[in-house]
Amino acid sequence: MQTLKFKTNINCSSCIASVTTALNSVKGVQKWDVDTASPKKILTITADGIKPDIVIGALKEKGFTAEIN
């Protein structure tokens, strides 16, 4: 199990709703959470054997940005 952290532009509950399907469909993702109170809007993912580029690509398809934090 690994924990990945990303700086994102996911900043509200509507944004979270927009990315939920994309993040839940990434194979290996066990759970995820976005700290919208943080200025960096940190997305924390607990996963099993995924590459950060997969998550970044899934978010990009939904119109959001992410970079390794």
N, C-alpha and C. Protein backbone atom coordinates (compact mmCIF):
# COMPACT_ATOMS: atom_id res chain seq x y z
N MET A 1 0.85 -1.17 0.00
CA MET A 1 0.00 0.00 0.00
C MET A 1 0.90 1.23 0.00
N GLN A 2 0.51 2.22 -0.76
CA GLN A 2 1.27 3.45 -0.84
C GLN A 2 0.34 4.65 -0.65
N THR A 3 0.92 5.76 -0.23
CA THR A 3 0.17 7.01 -0.10
C THR A 3 0.80 8.01 -1.04
N LEU A 4 -0.04 8.58 -1.91
CA LEU A 4 0.40 9.60 -2.85
C LEU A 4 -0.27 10.92 -2.49
N LYS A 5 0.46 12.01 -2.62
CA LYS A 5 -0.10 13.34 -2.34
C LYS A 5 0.14 14.23 -3.55
N PHE A 6 -0.92 14.97 -3.91
CA PHE A 6 -0.87 15.85 -5.06
C PHE A 6 -1.38 17.24 -4.69
N LYS A 7 -0.76 18.27 -5.24
CA LYS A 7 -1.29 19.62 -5.17
C LYS A 7 -2.26 19.74 -6.34
N THR A 8 -3.50 20.19 -6.08
CA THR A 8 -4.52 20.23 -7.12
C THR A 8 -5.23 21.58 -7.16
N ASN A 9 -6.15 21.69 -8.11
CA ASN A 9 -7.04 22.85 -8.14
C ASN A 9 -8.48 22.41 -7.85
N ILE A 10 -8.63 21.32 -7.12
CA ILE A 10 -9.95 20.83 -6.67
C ILE A 10 -10.28 21.62 -5.41
N ASN A 11 -11.25 22.55 -5.50
CA ASN A 11 -11.41 23.46 -4.38
C ASN A 11 -12.80 23.53 -3.75
N CYS A 12 -13.72 22.67 -4.16
CA CYS A 12 -15.05 22.74 -3.56
C CYS A 12 -15.77 21.39 -3.70
N SER A 13 -16.94 21.30 -3.09
CA SER A 13 -17.67 20.03 -3.14
C SER A 13 -18.14 19.68 -4.55
N SER A 14 -18.42 20.68 -5.37
CA SER A 14 -18.79 20.41 -6.76
C SER A 14 -17.61 19.83 -7.54
N CYS A 15 -16.42 20.35 -7.26
CA CYS A 15 -15.21 19.82 -7.90
C CYS A 15 -14.99 18.38 -7.47
N ILE A 16 -15.17 18.11 -6.20
CA ILE A 16 -15.00 16.74 -5.69
C ILE A 16 -15.99 15.81 -6.38
N ALA A 17 -17.23 16.25 -6.53
CA ALA A 17 -18.24 15.44 -7.22
C ALA A 17 -17.81 15.17 -8.66
N SER A 18 -17.18 16.14 -9.31
CA SER A 18 -16.73 15.99 -10.69
C SER A 18 -15.64 14.94 -10.85
N VAL A 19 -14.77 14.81 -9.86
CA VAL A 19 -13.65 13.88 -9.99
C VAL A 19 -13.90 12.52 -9.34
N THR A 20 -14.98 12.39 -8.61
CA THR A 20 -15.23 11.15 -7.88
C THR A 20 -15.23 9.92 -8.79
N THR A 21 -15.96 9.95 -9.87
CA THR A 21 -16.02 8.80 -10.77
C THR A 21 -14.64 8.48 -11.35
N ALA A 22 -13.91 9.51 -11.74
CA ALA A 22 -12.58 9.31 -12.33
C ALA A 22 -11.63 8.67 -11.33
N LEU A 23 -11.59 9.20 -10.11
CA LEU A 23 -10.66 8.65 -9.11
C LEU A 23 -11.09 7.26 -8.64
N ASN A 24 -12.38 7.05 -8.50
CA ASN A 24 -12.84 5.73 -8.07
C ASN A 24 -12.61 4.66 -9.13
N SER A 25 -12.46 5.06 -10.38
CA SER A 25 -12.26 4.07 -11.44
C SER A 25 -10.79 3.74 -11.69
N VAL A 26 -9.87 4.46 -11.04
CA VAL A 26 -8.45 4.16 -11.19
C VAL A 26 -8.16 2.86 -10.44
N LYS A 27 -7.71 1.86 -11.18
CA LYS A 27 -7.43 0.55 -10.58
C LYS A 27 -6.32 0.68 -9.53
N GLY A 28 -6.59 0.16 -8.35
CA GLY A 28 -5.62 0.19 -7.26
C GLY A 28 -5.92 1.23 -6.20
N VAL A 29 -6.75 2.22 -6.51
CA VAL A 29 -7.08 3.24 -5.52
C VAL A 29 -7.99 2.64 -4.45
N GLN A 30 -7.56 2.73 -3.21
CA GLN A 30 -8.33 2.20 -2.09
C GLN A 30 -9.23 3.29 -1.49
N LYS A 31 -8.64 4.47 -1.28
CA LYS A 31 -9.41 5.60 -0.78
C LYS A 31 -8.68 6.88 -1.15
N TRP A 32 -9.43 7.98 -1.13
CA TRP A 32 -8.84 9.27 -1.45
C TRP A 32 -9.61 10.36 -0.73
N ASP A 33 -8.94 11.51 -0.57
CA ASP A 33 -9.53 12.65 0.11
C ASP A 33 -8.85 13.92 -0.37
N VAL A 34 -9.61 15.00 -0.48
CA VAL A 34 -9.05 16.30 -0.85
C VAL A 34 -9.23 17.26 0.31
N ASP A 35 -8.15 17.88 0.73
CA ASP A 35 -8.20 18.89 1.79
C ASP A 35 -8.45 20.25 1.13
N THR A 36 -9.73 20.59 0.96
CA THR A 36 -10.08 21.84 0.29
C THR A 36 -9.80 23.06 1.17
N ALA A 37 -9.56 22.86 2.45
CA ALA A 37 -9.23 23.97 3.34
C ALA A 37 -7.77 24.41 3.19
N SER A 38 -6.94 23.51 2.69
CA SER A 38 -5.52 23.81 2.49
C SER A 38 -5.35 24.70 1.26
N PRO A 39 -4.46 25.68 1.31
CA PRO A 39 -4.21 26.52 0.13
C PRO A 39 -3.72 25.71 -1.08
N LYS A 40 -3.07 24.58 -0.83
CA LYS A 40 -2.56 23.74 -1.92
C LYS A 40 -3.57 22.71 -2.40
N LYS A 41 -4.74 22.64 -1.74
CA LYS A 41 -5.81 21.70 -2.13
C LYS A 41 -5.23 20.29 -2.31
N ILE A 42 -4.69 19.75 -1.23
CA ILE A 42 -3.96 18.48 -1.28
C ILE A 42 -4.91 17.29 -1.43
N LEU A 43 -4.65 16.52 -2.48
CA LEU A 43 -5.34 15.25 -2.72
C LEU A 43 -4.44 14.15 -2.19
N THR A 44 -4.95 13.36 -1.25
CA THR A 44 -4.22 12.24 -0.69
C THR A 44 -4.90 10.96 -1.14
N ILE A 45 -4.11 10.07 -1.74
CA ILE A 45 -4.64 8.81 -2.26
C ILE A 45 -3.90 7.66 -1.59
N THR A 46 -4.66 6.71 -1.08
CA THR A 46 -4.10 5.46 -0.60
C THR A 46 -4.38 4.43 -1.69
N ALA A 47 -3.31 3.82 -2.18
CA ALA A 47 -3.47 2.95 -3.34
C ALA A 47 -2.49 1.79 -3.29
N ASP A 48 -2.71 0.87 -4.20
CA ASP A 48 -1.85 -0.29 -4.31
C ASP A 48 -1.27 -0.35 -5.72
N GLY A 49 -0.02 0.03 -5.85
CA GLY A 49 0.71 -0.12 -7.09
C GLY A 49 0.26 0.75 -8.26
N ILE A 50 -0.03 2.02 -8.03
CA ILE A 50 -0.37 2.90 -9.15
C ILE A 50 0.72 3.94 -9.34
N LYS A 51 0.82 4.43 -10.56
CA LYS A 51 1.79 5.47 -10.87
C LYS A 51 1.11 6.82 -10.79
N PRO A 52 1.81 7.83 -10.30
CA PRO A 52 1.22 9.17 -10.19
C PRO A 52 0.65 9.69 -11.52
N ASP A 53 1.29 9.34 -12.63
CA ASP A 53 0.81 9.82 -13.94
C ASP A 53 -0.60 9.36 -14.25
N ILE A 54 -1.00 8.21 -13.73
CA ILE A 54 -2.35 7.70 -13.95
C ILE A 54 -3.37 8.64 -13.28
N VAL A 55 -3.08 9.02 -12.06
CA VAL A 55 -3.97 9.93 -11.32
C VAL A 55 -4.00 11.29 -11.99
N ILE A 56 -2.85 11.80 -12.36
CA ILE A 56 -2.77 13.11 -13.01
C ILE A 56 -3.58 13.10 -14.31
N GLY A 57 -3.47 12.03 -15.07
CA GLY A 57 -4.22 11.91 -16.32
C GLY A 57 -5.72 11.83 -16.10
N ALA A 58 -6.14 11.09 -15.09
CA ALA A 58 -7.57 10.97 -14.79
C ALA A 58 -8.16 12.31 -14.40
N LEU A 59 -7.42 13.09 -13.62
CA LEU A 59 -7.90 14.42 -13.23
C LEU A 59 -7.90 15.38 -14.41
N LYS A 60 -6.88 15.29 -15.26
CA LYS A 60 -6.80 16.15 -16.43
C LYS A 60 -8.00 15.94 -17.35
N GLU A 61 -8.44 14.70 -17.50
CA GLU A 61 -9.60 14.39 -18.33
C GLU A 61 -10.86 15.09 -17.80
N LYS A 62 -10.91 15.36 -16.52
CA LYS A 62 -12.05 16.04 -15.90
C LYS A 62 -11.84 17.55 -15.81
N GLY A 63 -10.70 18.04 -16.32
CA GLY A 63 -10.46 19.48 -16.35
C GLY A 63 -9.71 20.03 -15.15
N PHE A 64 -9.08 19.15 -14.38
CA PHE A 64 -8.36 19.58 -13.18
C PHE A 64 -6.86 19.33 -13.34
N THR A 65 -6.07 20.06 -12.57
CA THR A 65 -4.63 19.87 -12.58
C THR A 65 -4.18 19.21 -11.29
N ALA A 66 -3.05 18.53 -11.39
CA ALA A 66 -2.46 17.90 -10.21
C ALA A 66 -0.97 17.76 -10.44
N GLU A 67 -0.21 17.95 -9.38
CA GLU A 67 1.22 17.71 -9.43
C GLU A 67 1.64 17.07 -8.12
N ILE A 68 2.67 16.26 -8.19
CA ILE A 68 3.16 15.58 -7.00
C ILE A 68 3.54 16.63 -5.96
N ASN A 69 3.10 16.40 -4.73
CA ASN A 69 3.38 17.34 -3.65
C ASN A 69 4.54 16.83 -2.81
